[in-house]
Amino acid sequence: MHDARDDHGKPIRLLASASFFLAVSSFCGALQAQPQKVEGASPGIYTCTDARGRTLTADRPIAECTDREQRELNPSGSVRRKVEPTYTARELQEREDRAREAAIQTARLTDERRRERALLVRYPNLATHDRERSEALAQIDAVTQAARKRIAELSEDRKKIDEEMEFYKQDTTKAPGAVRRKLEDNTQSVAVQNRFIAEQEEEKKRVNARFDEERTRLKTLWSPQNGGNPR
């Protein structure tokens, strides 16, 4: 058997080269075939601080820390996950109550901030607020004045009715039915107008109270130049 030779007649070592190549390929394949170590697949280490302030560690969830948060660590020391406390039914209810109360408080604060922004948009300064108060009170005074005018008219009507009733003052039951009805209608109408005026006076109090409350709040929001409290 003759060795293979190149163009210059030198022997070529094909077998040795092929053997070396196969050996290197086998070694690389063996390295790739080895299982890769995945940190998350290895057992974790549990750690917590108990009620006495001690730092505890174990290879499983720690019984002394069931009422508090535990951390499961990877072998490298990084946190794999957090283990929530185990709560009783009563504790769960208390947590839900606290969470609900916190949500209500947050909603209340959010609504308060929204109303404050709306107030500032509507009343950017003290002059605007005072002007709208005056306009609101003026409207009430206008309808009150109309009611007083109506009472004055009813008073004039009453004089005429009284003149008709003068003939029956000894016994008003003998007065004609039409006259008695006019007297009753007049009395009721005056009572209605007086009630309306009293209601409007109460409305003025409510309006003033609302504007006073708004002004107190707005003075903390306005800049001093717009009528707010000095900073």
C-alpha atoms as a PDB file:
ATOM      1  CA  MET A   1       0.000   0.000   0.000  1.00  0.00           C
ATOM      2  CA  HIS A   2       1.427   3.369  -0.957  1.00  0.00           C
ATOM      3  CA  ASP A   3       0.947   6.669   0.919  1.00  0.00           C
ATOM      4  CA  ALA A   4      -0.917   9.418  -0.887  1.00  0.00           C
ATOM      5  CA  ARG A   5       1.417  12.071  -2.169  1.00  0.00           C
ATOM      6  CA  ASP A   6       0.920  15.701  -3.142  1.00  0.00           C
ATOM      7  CA  ASP A   7       1.898  17.323  -6.448  1.00  0.00           C
ATOM      8  CA  HIS A   8       5.524  17.520  -5.293  1.00  0.00           C
ATOM      9  CA  GLY A   9       5.617  13.846  -4.357  1.00  0.00           C
ATOM     10  CA  LYS A  10       5.485  14.367  -0.544  1.00  0.00           C
ATOM     11  CA  PRO A  11       3.319  11.892   1.504  1.00  0.00           C
ATOM     12  CA  ILE A  12       0.011  13.216   2.993  1.00  0.00           C
ATOM     13  CA  ARG A  13      -0.907  12.016   6.507  1.00  0.00           C
ATOM     14  CA  LEU A  14      -4.668  11.691   5.936  1.00  0.00           C
ATOM     15  CA  LEU A  15      -5.352   9.135   8.612  1.00  0.00           C
ATOM     16  CA  ALA A  16      -3.650  11.072  11.424  1.00  0.00           C
ATOM     17  CA  SER A  17      -5.472  14.288  10.509  1.00  0.00           C
ATOM     18  CA  ALA A  18      -8.824  12.567  10.351  1.00  0.00           C
ATOM     19  CA  SER A  19      -8.286  10.946  13.740  1.00  0.00           C
ATOM     20  CA  PHE A  20      -7.422  14.281  15.362  1.00  0.00           C
ATOM     21  CA  PHE A  21     -10.508  15.929  13.876  1.00  0.00           C
ATOM     22  CA  LEU A  22     -12.761  13.154  15.159  1.00  0.00           C
ATOM     23  CA  ALA A  23     -11.273  13.412  18.650  1.00  0.00           C
ATOM     24  CA  VAL A  24     -11.884  17.171  18.842  1.00  0.00           C
ATOM     25  CA  SER A  25     -15.458  16.794  17.573  1.00  0.00           C
ATOM     26  CA  SER A  26     -16.207  14.116  20.145  1.00  0.00           C
ATOM     27  CA  PHE A  27     -14.858  16.293  22.973  1.00  0.00           C
ATOM     28  CA  CYS A  28     -16.969  19.274  21.942  1.00  0.00           C
ATOM     29  CA  GLY A  29     -20.036  17.065  21.632  1.00  0.00           C
ATOM     30  CA  ALA A  30     -19.449  15.703  25.102  1.00  0.00           C
ATOM     31  CA  LEU A  31     -19.273  19.231  26.504  1.00  0.00           C
ATOM     32  CA  GLN A  32     -22.518  20.192  24.813  1.00  0.00           C
ATOM     33  CA  ALA A  33     -24.216  17.027  26.006  1.00  0.00           C
ATOM     34  CA  GLN A  34     -23.508  17.816  29.683  1.00  0.00           C
ATOM     35  CA  PRO A  35     -26.661  19.118  31.476  1.00  0.00           C
ATOM     36  CA  GLN A  36     -26.643  22.870  32.072  1.00  0.00           C
ATOM     37  CA  LYS A  37     -27.017  23.953  35.680  1.00  0.00           C
ATOM     38  CA  VAL A  38     -30.172  26.107  35.976  1.00  0.00           C
ATOM     39  CA  GLU A  39     -30.231  28.256  39.098  1.00  0.00           C
ATOM     40  CA  GLY A  40     -33.996  28.253  39.392  1.00  0.00           C
ATOM     41  CA  ALA A  41     -34.196  24.457  39.336  1.00  0.00           C
ATOM     42  CA  SER A  42     -31.986  23.941  42.408  1.00  0.00           C
ATOM     43  CA  PRO A  43     -33.442  23.873  45.938  1.00  0.00           C
ATOM     44  CA  GLY A  44     -33.994  27.304  47.440  1.00  0.00           C
ATOM     45  CA  ILE A  45     -33.001  28.699  50.816  1.00  0.00           C
ATOM     46  CA  TYR A  46     -35.741  30.276  52.938  1.00  0.00           C
ATOM     47  CA  THR A  47     -34.961  33.194  55.207  1.00  0.00           C
ATOM     48  CA  CYS A  48     -36.947  35.515  57.450  1.00  0.00           C
ATOM     49  CA  THR A  49     -36.774  37.622  60.604  1.00  0.00           C
ATOM     50  CA  ASP A  50     -38.944  36.163  63.364  1.00  0.00           C
ATOM     51  CA  ALA A  51     -40.951  37.981  66.040  1.00  0.00           C
ATOM     52  CA  ARG A  52     -37.877  38.130  68.305  1.00  0.00           C
ATOM     53  CA  GLY A  53     -35.757  39.783  65.632  1.00  0.00           C
ATOM     54  CA  ARG A  54     -33.715  36.697  64.786  1.00  0.00           C
ATOM     55  CA  THR A  55     -32.751  35.973  61.195  1.00  0.00           C
ATOM     56  CA  LEU A  56     -33.666  32.370  60.420  1.00  0.00           C
ATOM     57  CA  THR A  57     -32.765  30.242  57.407  1.00  0.00           C
ATOM     58  CA  ALA A  58     -33.892  26.792  56.291  1.00  0.00           C
ATOM     59  CA  ASP A  59     -34.282  24.628  53.215  1.00  0.00           C
ATOM     60  CA  ARG A  60     -38.074  24.771  53.506  1.00  0.00           C
ATOM     61  CA  PRO A  61     -40.680  27.368  54.593  1.00  0.00           C
ATOM     62  CA  ILE A  62     -39.991  28.403  58.192  1.00  0.00           C
ATOM     63  CA  ALA A  63     -42.750  27.625  60.685  1.00  0.00           C
ATOM     64  CA  GLU A  64     -41.733  30.472  63.035  1.00  0.00           C
ATOM     65  CA  CYS A  65     -42.396  32.966  60.242  1.00  0.00           C
ATOM     66  CA  THR A  66     -45.803  31.867  58.983  1.00  0.00           C
ATOM     67  CA  ASP A  67     -47.197  35.177  60.240  1.00  0.00           C
ATOM     68  CA  ARG A  68     -44.725  37.278  58.264  1.00  0.00           C
ATOM     69  CA  GLU A  69     -43.114  37.511  54.854  1.00  0.00           C
ATOM     70  CA  GLN A  70     -40.363  35.047  53.951  1.00  0.00           C
ATOM     71  CA  ARG A  71     -37.909  35.146  51.058  1.00  0.00           C
ATOM     72  CA  GLU A  72     -36.791  32.190  49.038  1.00  0.00           C
ATOM     73  CA  LEU A  73     -33.219  32.701  47.822  1.00  0.00           C
ATOM     74  CA  ASN A  74     -31.305  31.153  44.970  1.00  0.00           C
ATOM     75  CA  PRO A  75     -27.950  29.489  45.796  1.00  0.00           C
ATOM     76  CA  SER A  76     -26.296  32.684  44.580  1.00  0.00           C
ATOM     77  CA  GLY A  77     -28.147  34.687  47.243  1.00  0.00           C
ATOM     78  CA  SER A  78     -30.507  36.492  44.882  1.00  0.00           C
ATOM     79  CA  VAL A  79     -34.220  36.552  45.729  1.00  0.00           C
ATOM     80  CA  ARG A  80     -36.176  33.913  43.846  1.00  0.00           C
ATOM     81  CA  ARG A  81     -39.572  34.858  45.260  1.00  0.00           C
ATOM     82  CA  LYS A  82     -41.341  36.275  48.285  1.00  0.00           C
ATOM     83  CA  VAL A  83     -43.611  34.037  50.335  1.00  0.00           C
ATOM     84  CA  GLU A  84     -46.645  35.827  51.762  1.00  0.00           C
ATOM     85  CA  PRO A  85     -47.670  35.204  55.388  1.00  0.00           C
ATOM     86  CA  THR A  86     -50.296  32.589  56.164  1.00  0.00           C
ATOM     87  CA  TYR A  87     -53.308  34.407  57.641  1.00  0.00           C
ATOM     88  CA  THR A  88     -56.207  33.164  59.727  1.00  0.00           C
ATOM     89  CA  ALA A  89     -59.742  33.924  58.586  1.00  0.00           C
ATOM     90  CA  ARG A  90     -59.932  36.766  61.099  1.00  0.00           C
ATOM     91  CA  GLU A  91     -56.611  38.211  59.956  1.00  0.00           C
ATOM     92  CA  LEU A  92     -57.719  38.001  56.337  1.00  0.00           C
ATOM     93  CA  GLN A  93     -60.908  39.865  57.187  1.00  0.00           C
ATOM     94  CA  GLU A  94     -58.940  42.531  59.032  1.00  0.00           C
ATOM     95  CA  ARG A  95     -56.604  42.923  56.048  1.00  0.00           C
ATOM     96  CA  GLU A  96     -59.564  43.273  53.714  1.00  0.00           C
ATOM     97  CA  ASP A  97     -61.144  45.848  56.035  1.00  0.00           C
ATOM     98  CA  ARG A  98     -57.926  47.862  56.147  1.00  0.00           C
ATOM     99  CA  ALA A  99     -57.538  47.665  52.385  1.00  0.00           C
ATOM    100  CA  ARG A 100     -61.147  48.780  51.882  1.00  0.00           C
ATOM    101  CA  GLU A 101     -60.729  51.682  54.288  1.00  0.00           C
ATOM    102  CA  ALA A 102     -57.513  52.708  52.545  1.00  0.00           C
ATOM    103  CA  ALA A 103     -59.291  52.603  49.179  1.00  0.00           C
ATOM    104  CA  ILE A 104     -62.118  54.752  50.535  1.00  0.00           C
ATOM    105  CA  GLN A 105     -59.636  57.263  51.939  1.00  0.00           C
ATOM    106  CA  THR A 106     -57.743  57.376  48.649  1.00  0.00           C
ATOM    107  CA  ALA A 107     -60.988  57.943  46.738  1.00  0.00           C
ATOM    108  CA  ARG A 108     -61.957  60.686  49.188  1.00  0.00           C
ATOM    109  CA  LEU A 109     -58.643  62.464  48.731  1.00  0.00           C
ATOM    110  CA  THR A 110     -58.873  62.104  44.959  1.00  0.00           C
ATOM    111  CA  ASP A 111     -62.373  63.578  44.979  1.00  0.00           C
ATOM    112  CA  GLU A 112     -61.229  66.427  47.220  1.00  0.00           C
ATOM    113  CA  ARG A 113     -58.368  67.265  44.849  1.00  0.00           C
ATOM    114  CA  ARG A 114     -60.793  67.150  41.908  1.00  0.00           C
ATOM    115  CA  ARG A 115     -63.175  69.561  43.645  1.00  0.00           C
ATOM    116  CA  GLU A 116     -60.300  71.885  44.491  1.00  0.00           C
ATOM    117  CA  ARG A 117     -59.226  71.992  40.851  1.00  0.00           C
ATOM    118  CA  ALA A 118     -62.823  72.674  39.780  1.00  0.00           C
ATOM    119  CA  LEU A 119     -63.079  75.509  42.323  1.00  0.00           C
ATOM    120  CA  LEU A 120     -59.881  77.110  41.056  1.00  0.00           C
ATOM    121  CA  VAL A 121     -61.125  76.938  37.479  1.00  0.00           C
ATOM    122  CA  ARG A 122     -64.440  78.515  38.432  1.00  0.00           C
ATOM    123  CA  TYR A 123     -63.006  81.049  40.892  1.00  0.00           C
ATOM    124  CA  PRO A 124     -59.446  81.973  39.880  1.00  0.00           C
ATOM    125  CA  ASN A 125     -59.349  84.865  42.367  1.00  0.00           C
ATOM    126  CA  LEU A 126     -61.172  86.505  45.271  1.00  0.00           C
ATOM    127  CA  ALA A 127     -62.885  89.125  43.112  1.00  0.00           C
ATOM    128  CA  THR A 128     -64.515  86.446  40.948  1.00  0.00           C
ATOM    129  CA  HIS A 129     -65.753  84.590  44.019  1.00  0.00           C
ATOM    130  CA  ASP A 130     -67.184  87.725  45.626  1.00  0.00           C
ATOM    131  CA  ARG A 131     -68.913  88.714  42.386  1.00  0.00           C
ATOM    132  CA  GLU A 132     -70.637  85.339  42.041  1.00  0.00           C
ATOM    133  CA  ARG A 133     -71.758  85.465  45.679  1.00  0.00           C
ATOM    134  CA  SER A 134     -73.316  88.871  45.075  1.00  0.00           C
ATOM    135  CA  GLU A 135     -75.078  87.619  41.952  1.00  0.00           C
ATOM    136  CA  ALA A 136     -76.489  84.577  43.770  1.00  0.00           C
ATOM    137  CA  LEU A 137     -77.794  86.716  46.637  1.00  0.00           C
ATOM    138  CA  ALA A 138     -79.216  89.262  44.202  1.00  0.00           C
ATOM    139  CA  GLN A 139     -81.311  86.540  42.541  1.00  0.00           C
ATOM    140  CA  ILE A 140     -82.755  85.535  45.908  1.00  0.00           C
ATOM    141  CA  ASP A 141     -83.468  89.148  46.790  1.00  0.00           C
ATOM    142  CA  ALA A 142     -85.254  89.597  43.468  1.00  0.00           C
ATOM    143  CA  VAL A 143     -87.712  86.742  44.013  1.00  0.00           C
ATOM    144  CA  THR A 144     -88.178  87.826  47.637  1.00  0.00           C
ATOM    145  CA  GLN A 145     -89.002  91.326  46.517  1.00  0.00           C
ATOM    146  CA  ALA A 146     -91.558  89.932  44.064  1.00  0.00           C
ATOM    147  CA  ALA A 147     -93.177  88.003  46.912  1.00  0.00           C
ATOM    148  CA  ARG A 148     -93.321  91.131  49.073  1.00  0.00           C
ATOM    149  CA  LYS A 149     -94.905  93.010  46.187  1.00  0.00           C
ATOM    150  CA  ARG A 150     -97.512  90.281  45.904  1.00  0.00           C
ATOM    151  CA  ILE A 151     -98.247  90.561  49.630  1.00  0.00           C
ATOM    152  CA  ALA A 152     -98.765  94.314  49.198  1.00  0.00           C
ATOM    153  CA  GLU A 153    -101.267  93.607  46.415  1.00  0.00           C
ATOM    154  CA  LEU A 154    -103.056  91.066  48.572  1.00  0.00           C
ATOM    155  CA  SER A 155    -103.169  93.608  51.368  1.00  0.00           C
ATOM    156  CA  GLU A 156    -105.025  96.033  49.099  1.00  0.00           C
ATOM    157  CA  ASP A 157    -107.422  93.275  48.096  1.00  0.00           C
ATOM    158  CA  ARG A 158    -107.982  92.511  51.764  1.00  0.00           C
ATOM    159  CA  LYS A 159    -109.082  96.066  52.444  1.00  0.00           C
ATOM    160  CA  LYS A 160    -111.776  95.738  49.806  1.00  0.00           C
ATOM    161  CA  ILE A 161    -112.872  92.379  51.183  1.00  0.00           C
ATOM    162  CA  ASP A 162    -113.003  93.797  54.710  1.00  0.00           C
ATOM    163  CA  GLU A 163    -115.246  96.592  53.475  1.00  0.00           C
ATOM    164  CA  GLU A 164    -117.627  93.998  52.081  1.00  0.00           C
ATOM    165  CA  MET A 165    -117.490  92.018  55.318  1.00  0.00           C
ATOM    166  CA  GLU A 166    -118.216  95.124  57.369  1.00  0.00           C
ATOM    167  CA  PHE A 167    -121.930  94.461  57.007  1.00  0.00           C
ATOM    168  CA  TYR A 168    -121.524  90.989  58.479  1.00  0.00           C
ATOM    169  CA  LYS A 169    -118.994  91.601  61.243  1.00  0.00           C
ATOM    170  CA  GLN A 170    -121.523  90.589  63.876  1.00  0.00           C
ATOM    171  CA  ASP A 171    -121.983  87.206  62.204  1.00  0.00           C
ATOM    172  CA  THR A 172    -119.571  86.443  59.353  1.00  0.00           C
ATOM    173  CA  THR A 173    -121.434  83.225  58.562  1.00  0.00           C
ATOM    174  CA  LYS A 174    -124.187  85.340  57.062  1.00  0.00           C
ATOM    175  CA  ALA A 175    -121.784  86.886  54.523  1.00  0.00           C
ATOM    176  CA  PRO A 176    -122.258  85.749  50.919  1.00  0.00           C
ATOM    177  CA  GLY A 177    -120.319  82.635  49.993  1.00  0.00           C
ATOM    178  CA  ALA A 178    -118.364  84.456  47.280  1.00  0.00           C
ATOM    179  CA  VAL A 179    -117.149  87.039  49.772  1.00  0.00           C
ATOM    180  CA  ARG A 180    -116.144  84.389  52.329  1.00  0.00           C
ATOM    181  CA  ARG A 181    -114.235  82.490  49.630  1.00  0.00           C
ATOM    182  CA  LYS A 182    -112.365  85.660  48.617  1.00  0.00           C
ATOM    183  CA  LEU A 183    -111.407  86.184  52.260  1.00  0.00           C
ATOM    184  CA  GLU A 184    -110.155  82.604  52.624  1.00  0.00           C
ATOM    185  CA  ASP A 185    -108.226  82.751  49.333  1.00  0.00           C
ATOM    186  CA  ASN A 186    -106.624  86.027  50.355  1.00  0.00           C
ATOM    187  CA  THR A 187    -105.552  84.680  53.734  1.00  0.00           C
ATOM    188  CA  GLN A 188    -104.078  81.520  52.195  1.00  0.00           C
ATOM    189  CA  SER A 189    -102.246  83.490  49.499  1.00  0.00           C
ATOM    190  CA  VAL A 190    -100.648  85.763  52.091  1.00  0.00           C
ATOM    191  CA  ALA A 191     -99.557  82.710  54.097  1.00  0.00           C
ATOM    192  CA  VAL A 192     -98.029  81.121  50.971  1.00  0.00           C
ATOM    193  CA  GLN A 193     -96.062  84.271  50.166  1.00  0.00           C
ATOM    194  CA  ASN A 194     -94.827  84.597  53.746  1.00  0.00           C
ATOM    195  CA  ARG A 195     -93.641  80.968  53.727  1.00  0.00           C
ATOM    196  CA  PHE A 196     -91.876  81.585  50.435  1.00  0.00           C
ATOM    197  CA  ILE A 197     -90.100  84.646  51.852  1.00  0.00           C
ATOM    198  CA  ALA A 198     -89.008  82.658  54.911  1.00  0.00           C
ATOM    199  CA  GLU A 199     -87.655  79.907  52.641  1.00  0.00           C
ATOM    200  CA  GLN A 200     -85.683  82.451  50.643  1.00  0.00           C
ATOM    201  CA  GLU A 201     -84.160  83.852  53.824  1.00  0.00           C
ATOM    202  CA  GLU A 202     -82.986  80.346  54.706  1.00  0.00           C
ATOM    203  CA  GLU A 203     -81.649  79.950  51.187  1.00  0.00           C
ATOM    204  CA  LYS A 204     -79.610  83.132  51.625  1.00  0.00           C
ATOM    205  CA  LYS A 205     -78.088  81.662  54.769  1.00  0.00           C
ATOM    206  CA  ARG A 206     -77.178  78.476  52.907  1.00  0.00           C
ATOM    207  CA  VAL A 207     -75.677  80.421  50.012  1.00  0.00           C
ATOM    208  CA  ASN A 208     -73.586  82.563  52.335  1.00  0.00           C
ATOM    209  CA  ALA A 209     -72.447  79.490  54.274  1.00  0.00           C
ATOM    210  CA  ARG A 210     -71.405  77.755  51.049  1.00  0.00           C
ATOM    211  CA  PHE A 211     -69.481  80.768  49.795  1.00  0.00           C
ATOM    212  CA  ASP A 212     -67.856  81.227  53.211  1.00  0.00           C
ATOM    213  CA  GLU A 213     -66.706  77.590  53.189  1.00  0.00           C
ATOM    214  CA  GLU A 214     -65.429  77.893  49.623  1.00  0.00           C
ATOM    215  CA  ARG A 215     -63.614  81.112  50.423  1.00  0.00           C
ATOM    216  CA  THR A 216     -61.848  79.566  53.401  1.00  0.00           C
ATOM    217  CA  ARG A 217     -60.679  76.678  51.230  1.00  0.00           C
ATOM    218  CA  LEU A 218     -59.786  78.834  48.238  1.00  0.00           C
ATOM    219  CA  LYS A 219     -57.661  81.196  50.322  1.00  0.00           C
ATOM    220  CA  THR A 220     -55.306  78.250  50.910  1.00  0.00           C
ATOM    221  CA  LEU A 221     -55.191  77.577  47.138  1.00  0.00           C
ATOM    222  CA  TRP A 222     -55.047  81.079  45.685  1.00  0.00           C
ATOM    223  CA  SER A 223     -51.781  82.908  45.396  1.00  0.00           C
ATOM    224  CA  PRO A 224     -51.494  86.025  47.612  1.00  0.00           C
ATOM    225  CA  GLN A 225     -51.907  88.174  44.500  1.00  0.00           C
ATOM    226  CA  ASN A 226     -55.283  86.537  43.834  1.00  0.00           C
ATOM    227  CA  GLY A 227     -56.540  86.928  47.392  1.00  0.00           C
ATOM    228  CA  GLY A 228     -54.963  83.874  49.001  1.00  0.00           C
ATOM    229  CA  ASN A 229     -53.340  83.631  52.402  1.00  0.00           C
ATOM    230  CA  PRO A 230     -49.811  85.052  52.698  1.00  0.00           C
ATOM    231  CA  ARG A 231     -47.194  82.397  52.043  1.00  0.00           C
END
